[in-house]
C-alpha atoms as a PDB file:
ATOM      1  CA  MET A   1      54.848 134.598 149.371  1.00  0.00           C
ATOM      2  CA  SER A   2      51.263 135.750 148.912  1.00  0.00           C
ATOM      3  CA  ALA A   3      52.466 139.309 148.270  1.00  0.00           C
ATOM      4  CA  LEU A   4      54.658 138.034 145.458  1.00  0.00           C
ATOM      5  CA  ILE A   5      51.742 136.233 143.819  1.00  0.00           C
ATOM      6  CA  LEU A   6      49.550 139.317 144.220  1.00  0.00           C
ATOM      7  CA  LEU A   7      52.150 141.623 142.653  1.00  0.00           C
ATOM      8  CA  LEU A   8      52.859 139.201 139.816  1.00  0.00           C
ATOM      9  CA  SER A   9      49.187 138.866 138.947  1.00  0.00           C
ATOM     10  CA  LEU A  10      48.690 142.612 139.163  1.00  0.00           C
ATOM     11  CA  SER A  11      51.633 143.268 136.852  1.00  0.00           C
ATOM     12  CA  LEU A  12      50.332 140.720 134.331  1.00  0.00           C
ATOM     13  CA  LEU A  13      46.922 142.384 134.455  1.00  0.00           C
ATOM     14  CA  VAL A  14      48.426 145.829 133.790  1.00  0.00           C
ATOM     15  CA  ALA A  15      50.611 144.486 130.969  1.00  0.00           C
ATOM     16  CA  GLY A  16      47.589 142.807 129.403  1.00  0.00           C
ATOM     17  CA  ALA A  17      45.612 146.039 129.600  1.00  0.00           C
ATOM     18  CA  PHE A  18      48.386 147.918 127.814  1.00  0.00           C
ATOM     19  CA  LEU A  19      48.548 145.212 125.138  1.00  0.00           C
ATOM     20  CA  VAL A  20      44.793 145.397 124.568  1.00  0.00           C
ATOM     21  CA  ALA A  21      44.954 149.211 124.370  1.00  0.00           C
ATOM     22  CA  PHE A  22      47.810 149.038 121.849  1.00  0.00           C
ATOM     23  CA  ILE A  23      46.033 146.516 119.618  1.00  0.00           C
ATOM     24  CA  TRP A  24      42.821 148.558 119.819  1.00  0.00           C
ATOM     25  CA  SER A  25      44.612 151.768 118.798  1.00  0.00           C
ATOM     26  CA  VAL A  26      46.364 150.057 115.871  1.00  0.00           C
ATOM     27  CA  LYS A  27      43.083 148.636 114.584  1.00  0.00           C
ATOM     28  CA  ARG A  28      41.403 152.050 114.817  1.00  0.00           C
ATOM     29  CA  GLY A  29      44.169 153.626 112.707  1.00  0.00           C
ATOM     30  CA  GLN A  30      45.748 155.719 115.429  1.00  0.00           C
ATOM     31  CA  PHE A  31      49.233 155.231 113.979  1.00  0.00           C
ATOM     32  CA  ASP A  32      48.343 155.799 110.313  1.00  0.00           C
ATOM     33  CA  ASP A  33      49.850 158.932 108.833  1.00  0.00           C
ATOM     34  CA  ASP A  34      48.872 159.504 105.220  1.00  0.00           C
ATOM     35  CA  TYR A  35      49.587 163.229 105.094  1.00  0.00           C
ATOM     36  CA  THR A  36      53.192 163.680 106.262  1.00  0.00           C
ATOM     37  CA  PRO A  37      54.953 161.406 103.723  1.00  0.00           C
ATOM     38  CA  SER A  38      53.380 163.309 100.821  1.00  0.00           C
ATOM     39  CA  ILE A  39      54.650 166.725 101.998  1.00  0.00           C
ATOM     40  CA  ARG A  40      58.003 165.670 103.450  1.00  0.00           C
ATOM     41  CA  ILE A  41      59.764 166.647 100.202  1.00  0.00           C
ATOM     42  CA  LEU A  42      58.607 170.253 100.670  1.00  0.00           C
ATOM     43  CA  PHE A  43      60.497 170.781 103.928  1.00  0.00           C
ATOM     44  CA  GLU A  44      64.173 171.650 103.953  1.00  0.00           C
ATOM     45  CA  ASP A  45      66.565 169.673 106.109  1.00  0.00           C
ATOM     46  CA  LYS A  46      67.782 171.483 109.194  1.00  0.00           C
ATOM     47  CA  GLU A  47      71.471 172.245 108.964  1.00  0.00           C
ATOM     48  CA  ASN A  48      73.872 171.630 111.809  1.00  0.00           C
ATOM     49  CA  SER A  49      74.061 174.878 113.785  1.00  0.00           C
ATOM     50  CA  SER A  50      77.583 174.149 115.087  1.00  0.00           C
ATOM     51  CA  SER A  51      79.178 174.187 111.639  1.00  0.00           C
ATOM     52  CA  PRO A  52      80.746 177.513 110.565  1.00  0.00           C
ATOM     53  CA  GLN A  53      78.988 179.407 107.807  1.00  0.00           C
ATOM     54  CA  SER A  54      81.015 180.819 104.912  1.00  0.00           C
END
């Protein structure tokens, strides 16, 4: 029973660390992308390579 409590507390500690790291990275702007949406119109869509070409 003590092993179960130890593993449960360890898993909650790891999950909390990942949550803190995620919130920290969002606040620092890690997931902001201001450049790609402005140039997306310049790139052509990739065509399906399995379709026959005329």
